[in-house]
Amino acid sequence: MTKADFFHLFRVFVTAVAASIFAASFAHAADKAGCKDFPGIKRFEGSSIMLCDGRNFAEYTLPTGKWVKDEEDSAKSDFASKEALEGRLTQNVYSVPAGPSSAEVFRNYVSDLQSAGYSVLFQAKQEETRNLEQVFGEKGPGGQLFGYSPDEARYVAAVKEEGGVKTYIALYVIEFEGGYVPEFDAVKGQVYVRLDSLQVGKLTEQMVLVSAAEINKGLDTSGKVVLYGIQFDFNKASIKPESRSALDEIAKFLKEQPGQKVYVIGHTDNVGGFDFNMQLSKARAASVVADLVKTYGIAQGRLKASGVGLQAPVASNADEDGRAKNRRVELLPQ
């Protein structure tokens, strides 16, 4: 090999490596800003996230059986089986490049889920998915994208348990037939995927940091933000050190939105009685306000502390999981 041949091959090699790095860096460049894959679940090759949504705590009904129509009383029609769940909800809508059918995409997802340790609870295709188009068309991102395309629809419900937390998956795959999709231009015949994941179990293992952006979005869309990341010493208003990251994000939000004023509301479980918990919830909210003012320089006038004690539970106080959900801090816009 001559020196010229060597340098030619070297240039080809470097160009190929650079191209692969560039391609990997921009493989998901078409994803909607702020959207990302749910950990441990691979997207179909080449697909992009068009829409996403999520809540730190949500109620969710997971269909695990076929739709059964009651001929005598339509109000009694329902899925043969379903699970009423509560937990952290993540929802993504994927657009799959032209070419693959819904059947191919669906088989790929089911195989990947099983390889990742998920157990299939129920799966259906075409006519067997009846009424699921209403479930996915009326609730969550996508709307009519999923509401009018039942002919080649596929659905799977799956679950995986790890570390005391169960992760439920609801996957709905369609070939778009029609419907109004304001967020982007849906292409007839193209495959679209809705992937919902719900984490249920030990709340302490689900508690994730609520970012400044999520606080802003929550106040705009839901009128409140629920924070489980602010922890207190038992029966006291003193804030634990591990709460610092959550407080950092609240302060960041307030600095990014200098005109926003908020109520800081403390909530408790029912242990200790009504009067005690009213006082405790107010004291804890006041501690949060005091920390934001002292540590981050947030103006006192932008914050108002209050507490409702045990009066606004989001779960039963009969067990510790429920009580943990009720012990929280909420932000509301003034």
C-alpha atoms as a PDB file:
ATOM      1  CA  MET A   1       0.000   0.000   0.000  1.00  0.00           C
ATOM      2  CA  THR A   2       1.350   3.406  -0.971  1.00  0.00           C
ATOM      3  CA  LYS A   3       1.351   6.419   1.363  1.00  0.00           C
ATOM      4  CA  ALA A   4      -1.351   8.016  -0.816  1.00  0.00           C
ATOM      5  CA  ASP A   5      -3.561   4.910  -0.468  1.00  0.00           C
ATOM      6  CA  PHE A   6      -3.060   4.909   3.313  1.00  0.00           C
ATOM      7  CA  PHE A   7      -4.089   8.551   3.694  1.00  0.00           C
ATOM      8  CA  HIS A   8      -7.081   8.019   1.396  1.00  0.00           C
ATOM      9  CA  LEU A   9      -8.353   5.105   3.549  1.00  0.00           C
ATOM     10  CA  PHE A  10      -7.679   7.115   6.710  1.00  0.00           C
ATOM     11  CA  ARG A  11      -9.777  10.025   5.403  1.00  0.00           C
ATOM     12  CA  VAL A  12     -12.610   7.639   4.506  1.00  0.00           C
ATOM     13  CA  PHE A  13     -12.502   6.112   8.003  1.00  0.00           C
ATOM     14  CA  VAL A  14     -12.519   9.499   9.759  1.00  0.00           C
ATOM     15  CA  THR A  15     -15.389  10.719   7.580  1.00  0.00           C
ATOM     16  CA  ALA A  16     -17.444   7.610   8.366  1.00  0.00           C
ATOM     17  CA  VAL A  17     -16.858   7.934  12.107  1.00  0.00           C
ATOM     18  CA  ALA A  18     -17.755  11.623  12.057  1.00  0.00           C
ATOM     19  CA  ALA A  19     -20.917  10.897  10.090  1.00  0.00           C
ATOM     20  CA  SER A  20     -22.025   8.226  12.565  1.00  0.00           C
ATOM     21  CA  ILE A  21     -21.418  10.548  15.516  1.00  0.00           C
ATOM     22  CA  PHE A  22     -23.359  13.335  13.792  1.00  0.00           C
ATOM     23  CA  ALA A  23     -26.236  10.984  13.011  1.00  0.00           C
ATOM     24  CA  ALA A  24     -26.376   9.703  16.590  1.00  0.00           C
ATOM     25  CA  SER A  25     -26.339  13.231  17.953  1.00  0.00           C
ATOM     26  CA  PHE A  26     -29.315  14.260  15.842  1.00  0.00           C
ATOM     27  CA  ALA A  27     -31.220  10.964  15.692  1.00  0.00           C
ATOM     28  CA  HIS A  28     -34.011  12.374  17.845  1.00  0.00           C
ATOM     29  CA  ALA A  29     -33.701  15.987  16.730  1.00  0.00           C
ATOM     30  CA  ALA A  30     -37.354  15.935  15.599  1.00  0.00           C
ATOM     31  CA  ASP A  31     -38.632  15.230  19.123  1.00  0.00           C
ATOM     32  CA  LYS A  32     -40.893  17.891  20.579  1.00  0.00           C
ATOM     33  CA  ALA A  33     -38.999  20.056  23.049  1.00  0.00           C
ATOM     34  CA  GLY A  34     -39.160  18.740  26.599  1.00  0.00           C
ATOM     35  CA  CYS A  35     -40.231  15.222  25.590  1.00  0.00           C
ATOM     36  CA  LYS A  36     -38.165  12.104  26.228  1.00  0.00           C
ATOM     37  CA  ASP A  37     -38.496   8.318  26.216  1.00  0.00           C
ATOM     38  CA  PHE A  38     -39.691   6.515  29.306  1.00  0.00           C
ATOM     39  CA  PRO A  39     -36.607   4.825  30.835  1.00  0.00           C
ATOM     40  CA  GLY A  40     -36.054   1.237  29.761  1.00  0.00           C
ATOM     41  CA  ILE A  41     -38.503   1.223  26.830  1.00  0.00           C
ATOM     42  CA  LYS A  42     -37.037   1.601  23.346  1.00  0.00           C
ATOM     43  CA  ARG A  43     -38.876   3.539  20.659  1.00  0.00           C
ATOM     44  CA  PHE A  44     -39.392   2.031  17.202  1.00  0.00           C
ATOM     45  CA  GLU A  45     -36.372   2.772  15.018  1.00  0.00           C
ATOM     46  CA  GLY A  46     -36.509   6.184  13.354  1.00  0.00           C
ATOM     47  CA  SER A  47     -39.630   7.399  15.162  1.00  0.00           C
ATOM     48  CA  SER A  48     -40.028  10.820  16.770  1.00  0.00           C
ATOM     49  CA  ILE A  49     -41.963  12.075  19.785  1.00  0.00           C
ATOM     50  CA  MET A  50     -44.646  14.447  18.513  1.00  0.00           C
ATOM     51  CA  LEU A  51     -46.521  15.069  21.770  1.00  0.00           C
ATOM     52  CA  CYS A  52     -46.046  14.282  25.445  1.00  0.00           C
ATOM     53  CA  ASP A  53     -47.708  14.847  28.780  1.00  0.00           C
ATOM     54  CA  GLY A  54     -47.331  13.675  32.348  1.00  0.00           C
ATOM     55  CA  ARG A  55     -48.245  14.215  35.980  1.00  0.00           C
ATOM     56  CA  ASN A  56     -46.492  13.359  39.193  1.00  0.00           C
ATOM     57  CA  PHE A  57     -49.689  11.876  40.576  1.00  0.00           C
ATOM     58  CA  ALA A  58     -52.675  10.802  38.502  1.00  0.00           C
ATOM     59  CA  GLU A  59     -55.616   8.425  38.493  1.00  0.00           C
ATOM     60  CA  TYR A  60     -55.614   6.051  35.522  1.00  0.00           C
ATOM     61  CA  THR A  61     -57.893   3.256  34.320  1.00  0.00           C
ATOM     62  CA  LEU A  62     -56.013   0.479  32.512  1.00  0.00           C
ATOM     63  CA  PRO A  63     -58.193  -1.762  30.298  1.00  0.00           C
ATOM     64  CA  THR A  64     -57.125  -5.415  30.648  1.00  0.00           C
ATOM     65  CA  GLY A  65     -59.985  -7.099  28.799  1.00  0.00           C
ATOM     66  CA  LYS A  66     -62.244  -6.721  25.761  1.00  0.00           C
ATOM     67  CA  TRP A  67     -65.131  -4.273  25.586  1.00  0.00           C
ATOM     68  CA  VAL A  68     -68.384  -5.988  26.525  1.00  0.00           C
ATOM     69  CA  LYS A  69     -71.574  -4.361  25.271  1.00  0.00           C
ATOM     70  CA  ASP A  70     -74.721  -4.666  27.351  1.00  0.00           C
ATOM     71  CA  GLU A  71     -77.536  -4.960  24.820  1.00  0.00           C
ATOM     72  CA  GLU A  72     -80.234  -4.073  27.340  1.00  0.00           C
ATOM     73  CA  ASP A  73     -78.532  -1.164  29.074  1.00  0.00           C
ATOM     74  CA  SER A  74     -75.699   0.568  27.212  1.00  0.00           C
ATOM     75  CA  ALA A  75     -74.679   2.384  30.392  1.00  0.00           C
ATOM     76  CA  LYS A  76     -73.576  -0.980  31.775  1.00  0.00           C
ATOM     77  CA  SER A  77     -71.243  -1.645  28.832  1.00  0.00           C
ATOM     78  CA  ASP A  78     -67.653  -1.804  29.992  1.00  0.00           C
ATOM     79  CA  PHE A  79     -64.336  -3.591  29.601  1.00  0.00           C
ATOM     80  CA  ALA A  80     -64.419  -7.192  30.805  1.00  0.00           C
ATOM     81  CA  SER A  81     -61.621  -6.305  33.193  1.00  0.00           C
ATOM     82  CA  LYS A  82     -59.705  -3.151  34.063  1.00  0.00           C
ATOM     83  CA  GLU A  83     -57.436  -1.815  36.779  1.00  0.00           C
ATOM     84  CA  ALA A  84     -57.948   1.477  38.624  1.00  0.00           C
ATOM     85  CA  LEU A  85     -54.459   2.818  39.288  1.00  0.00           C
ATOM     86  CA  GLU A  86     -52.814   5.832  40.909  1.00  0.00           C
ATOM     87  CA  GLY A  87     -49.253   6.947  40.410  1.00  0.00           C
ATOM     88  CA  ARG A  88     -46.785   8.907  38.279  1.00  0.00           C
ATOM     89  CA  LEU A  89     -48.035   9.148  34.698  1.00  0.00           C
ATOM     90  CA  THR A  90     -45.941   9.660  31.554  1.00  0.00           C
ATOM     91  CA  GLN A  91     -47.533   9.796  28.084  1.00  0.00           C
ATOM     92  CA  ASN A  92     -45.787   9.989  24.701  1.00  0.00           C
ATOM     93  CA  VAL A  93     -47.089  10.094  21.136  1.00  0.00           C
ATOM     94  CA  TYR A  94     -44.651   8.770  18.504  1.00  0.00           C
ATOM     95  CA  SER A  95     -44.695   9.187  14.740  1.00  0.00           C
ATOM     96  CA  VAL A  96     -43.228   6.213  12.880  1.00  0.00           C
ATOM     97  CA  PRO A  97     -41.578   6.811   9.464  1.00  0.00           C
ATOM     98  CA  ALA A  98     -43.537   5.638   6.433  1.00  0.00           C
ATOM     99  CA  GLY A  99     -43.113   1.970   5.583  1.00  0.00           C
ATOM    100  CA  PRO A 100     -43.777  -0.298   8.584  1.00  0.00           C
ATOM    101  CA  SER A 101     -47.321  -1.467   9.303  1.00  0.00           C
ATOM    102  CA  SER A 102     -49.003  -1.156  12.688  1.00  0.00           C
ATOM    103  CA  ALA A 103     -48.640  -4.929  13.061  1.00  0.00           C
ATOM    104  CA  GLU A 104     -44.858  -4.760  12.600  1.00  0.00           C
ATOM    105  CA  VAL A 105     -44.453  -1.833  14.978  1.00  0.00           C
ATOM    106  CA  PHE A 106     -46.696  -3.489  17.558  1.00  0.00           C
ATOM    107  CA  ARG A 107     -44.834  -6.822  17.455  1.00  0.00           C
ATOM    108  CA  ASN A 108     -41.561  -4.969  17.882  1.00  0.00           C
ATOM    109  CA  TYR A 109     -42.823  -3.127  20.973  1.00  0.00           C
ATOM    110  CA  VAL A 110     -44.295  -6.256  22.582  1.00  0.00           C
ATOM    111  CA  SER A 111     -41.046  -8.138  22.032  1.00  0.00           C
ATOM    112  CA  ASP A 112     -39.016  -5.296  23.557  1.00  0.00           C
ATOM    113  CA  LEU A 113     -41.348  -5.039  26.553  1.00  0.00           C
ATOM    114  CA  GLN A 114     -41.049  -8.749  27.246  1.00  0.00           C
ATOM    115  CA  SER A 115     -37.277  -8.591  26.868  1.00  0.00           C
ATOM    116  CA  ALA A 116     -37.248  -5.759  29.420  1.00  0.00           C
ATOM    117  CA  GLY A 117     -39.078  -7.935  31.939  1.00  0.00           C
ATOM    118  CA  TYR A 118     -42.683  -6.839  31.396  1.00  0.00           C
ATOM    119  CA  SER A 119     -45.535  -9.345  31.627  1.00  0.00           C
ATOM    120  CA  VAL A 120     -48.406  -8.963  29.176  1.00  0.00           C
ATOM    121  CA  LEU A 121     -51.767  -8.543  30.908  1.00  0.00           C
ATOM    122  CA  PHE A 122     -53.862  -8.240  27.755  1.00  0.00           C
ATOM    123  CA  GLN A 123     -53.411  -7.615  24.058  1.00  0.00           C
ATOM    124  CA  ALA A 124     -55.834  -7.085  21.212  1.00  0.00           C
ATOM    125  CA  LYS A 125     -55.962  -6.147  17.546  1.00  0.00           C
ATOM    126  CA  GLN A 126     -58.421  -4.616  15.107  1.00  0.00           C
ATOM    127  CA  GLU A 127     -62.025  -5.503  16.130  1.00  0.00           C
ATOM    128  CA  GLU A 128     -60.810  -6.717  19.526  1.00  0.00           C
ATOM    129  CA  THR A 129     -59.707  -3.153  20.373  1.00  0.00           C
ATOM    130  CA  ARG A 130     -63.256  -1.828  20.205  1.00  0.00           C
ATOM    131  CA  ASN A 131     -63.848   1.272  22.351  1.00  0.00           C
ATOM    132  CA  LEU A 132     -60.127   1.727  23.034  1.00  0.00           C
ATOM    133  CA  GLU A 133     -60.194   4.417  20.360  1.00  0.00           C
ATOM    134  CA  GLN A 134     -62.458   6.382  22.709  1.00  0.00           C
ATOM    135  CA  VAL A 135     -60.154   5.814  25.674  1.00  0.00           C
ATOM    136  CA  PHE A 136     -57.093   7.119  23.829  1.00  0.00           C
ATOM    137  CA  GLY A 137     -59.018   9.626  21.721  1.00  0.00           C
ATOM    138  CA  GLU A 138     -60.668  11.376  24.657  1.00  0.00           C
ATOM    139  CA  LYS A 139     -57.962  11.263  27.326  1.00  0.00           C
ATOM    140  CA  GLY A 140     -54.297  12.184  27.014  1.00  0.00           C
ATOM    141  CA  PRO A 141     -52.261  13.629  24.132  1.00  0.00           C
ATOM    142  CA  GLY A 142     -53.234  12.934  20.533  1.00  0.00           C
ATOM    143  CA  GLY A 143     -57.006  13.278  20.688  1.00  0.00           C
ATOM    144  CA  GLN A 144     -58.576  12.563  17.309  1.00  0.00           C
ATOM    145  CA  LEU A 145     -55.284  11.148  16.055  1.00  0.00           C
ATOM    146  CA  PHE A 146     -56.324   7.970  17.882  1.00  0.00           C
ATOM    147  CA  GLY A 147     -60.097   8.473  17.999  1.00  0.00           C
ATOM    148  CA  TYR A 148     -60.969   7.611  14.400  1.00  0.00           C
ATOM    149  CA  SER A 149     -58.500   4.924  13.335  1.00  0.00           C
ATOM    150  CA  PRO A 150     -59.649   1.536  14.713  1.00  0.00           C
ATOM    151  CA  ASP A 151     -59.229  -0.653  11.621  1.00  0.00           C
ATOM    152  CA  GLU A 152     -55.539  -1.503  12.074  1.00  0.00           C
ATOM    153  CA  ALA A 153     -55.300  -0.696  15.773  1.00  0.00           C
ATOM    154  CA  ARG A 154     -53.287  -2.818  18.214  1.00  0.00           C
ATOM    155  CA  TYR A 155     -53.187  -2.611  22.019  1.00  0.00           C
ATOM    156  CA  VAL A 156     -51.207  -4.162  24.831  1.00  0.00           C
ATOM    157  CA  ALA A 157     -51.318  -3.721  28.600  1.00  0.00           C
ATOM    158  CA  ALA A 158     -48.241  -4.890  30.494  1.00  0.00           C
ATOM    159  CA  VAL A 159     -46.682  -4.645  33.948  1.00  0.00           C
ATOM    160  CA  LYS A 160     -43.284  -4.979  35.579  1.00  0.00           C
ATOM    161  CA  GLU A 161     -42.454  -4.934  39.294  1.00  0.00           C
ATOM    162  CA  GLU A 162     -39.064  -3.807  40.534  1.00  0.00           C
ATOM    163  CA  GLY A 163     -37.930  -2.460  43.888  1.00  0.00           C
ATOM    164  CA  GLY A 164     -41.436  -2.294  45.302  1.00  0.00           C
ATOM    165  CA  VAL A 165     -42.708  -0.219  42.372  1.00  0.00           C
ATOM    166  CA  LYS A 166     -45.002  -1.555  39.644  1.00  0.00           C
ATOM    167  CA  THR A 167     -44.747   0.037  36.217  1.00  0.00           C
ATOM    168  CA  TYR A 168     -47.854  -0.393  34.051  1.00  0.00           C
ATOM    169  CA  ILE A 169     -47.735   0.158  30.299  1.00  0.00           C
ATOM    170  CA  ALA A 170     -50.640   0.896  27.963  1.00  0.00           C
ATOM    171  CA  LEU A 171     -49.545   0.863  24.308  1.00  0.00           C
ATOM    172  CA  TYR A 172     -51.915   1.765  21.468  1.00  0.00           C
ATOM    173  CA  VAL A 173     -50.741   1.591  17.834  1.00  0.00           C
ATOM    174  CA  ILE A 174     -52.775   2.791  14.833  1.00  0.00           C
ATOM    175  CA  GLU A 175     -52.521   3.496  11.131  1.00  0.00           C
ATOM    176  CA  PHE A 176     -53.976   6.997  10.838  1.00  0.00           C
ATOM    177  CA  GLU A 177     -57.273   7.145   8.928  1.00  0.00           C
ATOM    178  CA  GLY A 178     -58.645  10.585   9.750  1.00  0.00           C
ATOM    179  CA  GLY A 179     -59.352  13.195  12.386  1.00  0.00           C
ATOM    180  CA  TYR A 180     -58.333  16.718  13.353  1.00  0.00           C
ATOM    181  CA  VAL A 181     -54.831  16.948  14.834  1.00  0.00           C
ATOM    182  CA  PRO A 182     -53.998  20.630  15.522  1.00  0.00           C
ATOM    183  CA  GLU A 183     -50.477  20.077  16.833  1.00  0.00           C
ATOM    184  CA  PHE A 184     -48.971  18.657  13.629  1.00  0.00           C
ATOM    185  CA  ASP A 185     -49.876  17.372  10.153  1.00  0.00           C
ATOM    186  CA  ALA A 186     -50.798  13.703  10.530  1.00  0.00           C
ATOM    187  CA  VAL A 187     -50.314  11.592   7.397  1.00  0.00           C
ATOM    188  CA  LYS A 188     -52.996   9.154   6.331  1.00  0.00           C
ATOM    189  CA  GLY A 189     -51.770   5.563   6.494  1.00  0.00           C
ATOM    190  CA  GLN A 190     -48.793   6.405   8.699  1.00  0.00           C
ATOM    191  CA  VAL A 191     -48.279   4.584  11.997  1.00  0.00           C
ATOM    192  CA  TYR A 192     -48.621   6.488  15.267  1.00  0.00           C
ATOM    193  CA  VAL A 193     -48.005   5.142  18.753  1.00  0.00           C
ATOM    194  CA  ARG A 194     -49.357   6.232  22.123  1.00  0.00           C
ATOM    195  CA  LEU A 195     -47.291   4.944  25.041  1.00  0.00           C
ATOM    196  CA  ASP A 196     -48.631   5.528  28.557  1.00  0.00           C
ATOM    197  CA  SER A 197     -46.625   4.463  31.594  1.00  0.00           C
ATOM    198  CA  LEU A 198     -47.771   4.605  35.203  1.00  0.00           C
ATOM    199  CA  GLN A 199     -45.513   3.959  38.183  1.00  0.00           C
ATOM    200  CA  VAL A 200     -47.366   2.653  41.217  1.00  0.00           C
ATOM    201  CA  GLY A 201     -46.020   1.633  44.599  1.00  0.00           C
ATOM    202  CA  LYS A 202     -43.790   3.008  47.319  1.00  0.00           C
ATOM    203  CA  LEU A 203     -44.192   6.722  46.916  1.00  0.00           C
ATOM    204  CA  THR A 204     -40.700   7.432  48.206  1.00  0.00           C
ATOM    205  CA  GLU A 205     -39.283   5.504  45.259  1.00  0.00           C
ATOM    206  CA  GLN A 206     -41.437   7.420  42.792  1.00  0.00           C
ATOM    207  CA  MET A 207     -40.659  10.887  44.116  1.00  0.00           C
ATOM    208  CA  VAL A 208     -38.860  12.676  41.345  1.00  0.00           C
ATOM    209  CA  LEU A 209     -37.757  16.259  41.183  1.00  0.00           C
ATOM    210  CA  VAL A 210     -40.388  18.656  39.854  1.00  0.00           C
ATOM    211  CA  SER A 211     -38.505  21.069  37.621  1.00  0.00           C
ATOM    212  CA  ALA A 212     -39.058  24.811  37.366  1.00  0.00           C
ATOM    213  CA  ALA A 213     -40.570  24.260  33.913  1.00  0.00           C
ATOM    214  CA  GLU A 214     -42.964  21.639  35.285  1.00  0.00           C
ATOM    215  CA  ILE A 215     -44.013  23.991  38.085  1.00  0.00           C
ATOM    216  CA  ASN A 216     -44.771  26.687  35.523  1.00  0.00           C
ATOM    217  CA  LYS A 217     -46.741  24.269  33.347  1.00  0.00           C
ATOM    218  CA  GLY A 218     -48.650  22.830  36.296  1.00  0.00           C
ATOM    219  CA  LEU A 219     -49.783  26.218  37.554  1.00  0.00           C
ATOM    220  CA  ASP A 220     -50.924  27.171  34.041  1.00  0.00           C
ATOM    221  CA  THR A 221     -52.716  23.950  33.147  1.00  0.00           C
ATOM    222  CA  SER A 222     -53.881  22.473  36.464  1.00  0.00           C
ATOM    223  CA  GLY A 223     -53.978  25.500  38.720  1.00  0.00           C
ATOM    224  CA  LYS A 224     -51.681  23.858  41.243  1.00  0.00           C
ATOM    225  CA  VAL A 225     -48.482  21.863  41.613  1.00  0.00           C
ATOM    226  CA  VAL A 226     -48.100  18.965  44.051  1.00  0.00           C
ATOM    227  CA  LEU A 227     -44.650  18.593  45.619  1.00  0.00           C
ATOM    228  CA  TYR A 228     -43.563  15.431  47.406  1.00  0.00           C
ATOM    229  CA  GLY A 229     -39.882  16.320  47.320  1.00  0.00           C
ATOM    230  CA  ILE A 230     -40.040  18.615  50.362  1.00  0.00           C
ATOM    231  CA  GLN A 231     -39.509  16.438  53.423  1.00  0.00           C
ATOM    232  CA  PHE A 232     -39.891  17.359  57.098  1.00  0.00           C
ATOM    233  CA  ASP A 233     -38.746  15.834  60.371  1.00  0.00           C
ATOM    234  CA  PHE A 234     -41.399  13.658  62.003  1.00  0.00           C
ATOM    235  CA  ASN A 235     -44.184  15.764  63.567  1.00  0.00           C
ATOM    236  CA  LYS A 236     -42.069  18.916  63.074  1.00  0.00           C
ATOM    237  CA  ALA A 237     -41.838  21.822  60.650  1.00  0.00           C
ATOM    238  CA  SER A 238     -38.067  21.579  60.178  1.00  0.00           C
ATOM    239  CA  ILE A 239     -37.119  20.879  56.561  1.00  0.00           C
ATOM    240  CA  LYS A 240     -34.840  17.897  55.887  1.00  0.00           C
ATOM    241  CA  PRO A 241     -31.585  18.490  53.944  1.00  0.00           C
ATOM    242  CA  GLU A 242     -32.671  16.168  51.114  1.00  0.00           C
ATOM    243  CA  SER A 243     -35.370  18.718  50.228  1.00  0.00           C
ATOM    244  CA  ARG A 244     -32.804  21.188  48.866  1.00  0.00           C
ATOM    245  CA  SER A 245     -33.142  20.160  45.207  1.00  0.00           C
ATOM    246  CA  ALA A 246     -36.924  20.660  45.328  1.00  0.00           C
ATOM    247  CA  LEU A 247     -36.495  24.093  46.902  1.00  0.00           C
ATOM    248  CA  ASP A 248     -33.874  24.973  44.271  1.00  0.00           C
ATOM    249  CA  GLU A 249     -36.440  24.353  41.532  1.00  0.00           C
ATOM    250  CA  ILE A 250     -39.158  26.396  43.261  1.00  0.00           C
ATOM    251  CA  ALA A 251     -36.727  29.299  43.609  1.00  0.00           C
ATOM    252  CA  LYS A 252     -35.647  28.929  39.983  1.00  0.00           C
ATOM    253  CA  PHE A 253     -39.262  29.078  38.865  1.00  0.00           C
ATOM    254  CA  LEU A 254     -39.945  32.182  40.954  1.00  0.00           C
ATOM    255  CA  LYS A 255     -36.860  33.930  39.567  1.00  0.00           C
ATOM    256  CA  GLU A 256     -37.803  33.016  36.002  1.00  0.00           C
ATOM    257  CA  GLN A 257     -41.349  34.313  36.589  1.00  0.00           C
ATOM    258  CA  PRO A 258     -40.747  37.495  38.610  1.00  0.00           C
ATOM    259  CA  GLY A 259     -44.380  38.577  38.407  1.00  0.00           C
ATOM    260  CA  GLN A 260     -45.801  35.340  39.785  1.00  0.00           C
ATOM    261  CA  LYS A 261     -47.069  35.186  43.364  1.00  0.00           C
ATOM    262  CA  VAL A 262     -47.950  31.839  44.949  1.00  0.00           C
ATOM    263  CA  TYR A 263     -49.713  30.303  47.900  1.00  0.00           C
ATOM    264  CA  VAL A 264     -47.686  27.619  49.678  1.00  0.00           C
ATOM    265  CA  ILE A 265     -50.126  25.103  51.167  1.00  0.00           C
ATOM    266  CA  GLY A 266     -49.173  22.432  53.681  1.00  0.00           C
ATOM    267  CA  HIS A 267     -51.016  19.071  53.835  1.00  0.00           C
ATOM    268  CA  THR A 268     -50.752  16.255  56.378  1.00  0.00           C
ATOM    269  CA  ASP A 269     -52.082  12.771  57.026  1.00  0.00           C
ATOM    270  CA  ASN A 270     -54.576  12.088  59.850  1.00  0.00           C
ATOM    271  CA  VAL A 271     -52.105  10.891  62.478  1.00  0.00           C
ATOM    272  CA  GLY A 272     -52.259  13.150  65.534  1.00  0.00           C
ATOM    273  CA  GLY A 273     -55.735  14.629  65.252  1.00  0.00           C
ATOM    274  CA  PHE A 274     -57.347  17.633  63.596  1.00  0.00           C
ATOM    275  CA  ASP A 275     -55.975  20.565  65.617  1.00  0.00           C
ATOM    276  CA  PHE A 276     -52.420  19.225  65.702  1.00  0.00           C
ATOM    277  CA  ASN A 277     -52.337  18.675  61.944  1.00  0.00           C
ATOM    278  CA  MET A 278     -53.809  22.090  61.176  1.00  0.00           C
ATOM    279  CA  GLN A 279     -51.023  23.735  63.164  1.00  0.00           C
ATOM    280  CA  LEU A 280     -48.380  21.423  61.680  1.00  0.00           C
ATOM    281  CA  SER A 281     -49.439  22.030  58.083  1.00  0.00           C
ATOM    282  CA  LYS A 282     -49.364  25.809  58.565  1.00  0.00           C
ATOM    283  CA  ALA A 283     -45.968  25.655  60.273  1.00  0.00           C
ATOM    284  CA  ARG A 284     -44.506  23.530  57.496  1.00  0.00           C
ATOM    285  CA  ALA A 285     -45.783  25.892  54.801  1.00  0.00           C
ATOM    286  CA  ALA A 286     -44.306  28.801  56.765  1.00  0.00           C
ATOM    287  CA  SER A 287     -40.947  26.984  56.911  1.00  0.00           C
ATOM    288  CA  VAL A 288     -40.918  26.638  53.136  1.00  0.00           C
ATOM    289  CA  VAL A 289     -41.691  30.334  52.686  1.00  0.00           C
ATOM    290  CA  ALA A 290     -39.020  31.311  55.202  1.00  0.00           C
ATOM    291  CA  ASP A 291     -36.410  29.192  53.418  1.00  0.00           C
ATOM    292  CA  LEU A 292     -37.251  30.659  50.005  1.00  0.00           C
ATOM    293  CA  VAL A 293     -36.931  34.177  51.405  1.00  0.00           C
ATOM    294  CA  LYS A 294     -33.753  33.602  53.399  1.00  0.00           C
ATOM    295  CA  THR A 295     -31.825  31.240  51.113  1.00  0.00           C
ATOM    296  CA  TYR A 296     -32.830  32.521  47.682  1.00  0.00           C
ATOM    297  CA  GLY A 297     -33.829  36.123  48.296  1.00  0.00           C
ATOM    298  CA  ILE A 298     -37.418  35.708  47.085  1.00  0.00           C
ATOM    299  CA  ALA A 299     -39.525  38.696  48.136  1.00  0.00           C
ATOM    300  CA  GLN A 300     -41.757  37.898  51.121  1.00  0.00           C
ATOM    301  CA  GLY A 301     -44.692  39.636  49.435  1.00  0.00           C
ATOM    302  CA  ARG A 302     -44.768  37.045  46.636  1.00  0.00           C
ATOM    303  CA  LEU A 303     -45.377  34.148  49.016  1.00  0.00           C
ATOM    304  CA  LYS A 304     -48.259  33.360  51.345  1.00  0.00           C
ATOM    305  CA  ALA A 305     -48.188  30.301  53.606  1.00  0.00           C
ATOM    306  CA  SER A 306     -51.261  28.375  54.683  1.00  0.00           C
ATOM    307  CA  GLY A 307     -52.221  24.884  55.751  1.00  0.00           C
ATOM    308  CA  VAL A 308     -55.292  22.679  55.565  1.00  0.00           C
ATOM    309  CA  GLY A 309     -54.092  19.815  57.746  1.00  0.00           C
ATOM    310  CA  LEU A 310     -55.869  16.538  56.970  1.00  0.00           C
ATOM    311  CA  GLN A 311     -58.834  18.139  55.187  1.00  0.00           C
ATOM    312  CA  ALA A 312     -57.806  17.518  51.563  1.00  0.00           C
ATOM    313  CA  PRO A 313     -56.549  13.914  51.264  1.00  0.00           C
ATOM    314  CA  VAL A 314     -55.696  12.454  47.862  1.00  0.00           C
ATOM    315  CA  ALA A 315     -55.629   8.878  49.161  1.00  0.00           C
ATOM    316  CA  SER A 316     -56.885   6.770  52.042  1.00  0.00           C
ATOM    317  CA  ASN A 317     -55.129   7.247  55.375  1.00  0.00           C
ATOM    318  CA  ALA A 318     -55.685   3.569  56.183  1.00  0.00           C
ATOM    319  CA  ASP A 319     -52.128   2.566  55.255  1.00  0.00           C
ATOM    320  CA  GLU A 320     -48.673   4.161  55.024  1.00  0.00           C
ATOM    321  CA  ASP A 321     -48.665   4.423  51.229  1.00  0.00           C
ATOM    322  CA  GLY A 322     -51.846   6.480  51.405  1.00  0.00           C
ATOM    323  CA  ARG A 323     -50.616   8.608  54.291  1.00  0.00           C
ATOM    324  CA  ALA A 324     -47.375   9.316  52.368  1.00  0.00           C
ATOM    325  CA  LYS A 325     -49.410  10.643  49.439  1.00  0.00           C
ATOM    326  CA  ASN A 326     -51.336  12.944  51.759  1.00  0.00           C
ATOM    327  CA  ARG A 327     -48.208  14.457  53.317  1.00  0.00           C
ATOM    328  CA  ARG A 328     -47.299  17.043  50.718  1.00  0.00           C
ATOM    329  CA  VAL A 329     -46.827  20.695  49.841  1.00  0.00           C
ATOM    330  CA  GLU A 330     -48.811  22.353  47.073  1.00  0.00           C
ATOM    331  CA  LEU A 331     -48.241  25.591  45.175  1.00  0.00           C
ATOM    332  CA  LEU A 332     -51.209  27.596  43.927  1.00  0.00           C
ATOM    333  CA  PRO A 333     -51.136  30.862  41.956  1.00  0.00           C
ATOM    334  CA  GLN A 334     -52.307  33.951  43.804  1.00  0.00           C
END
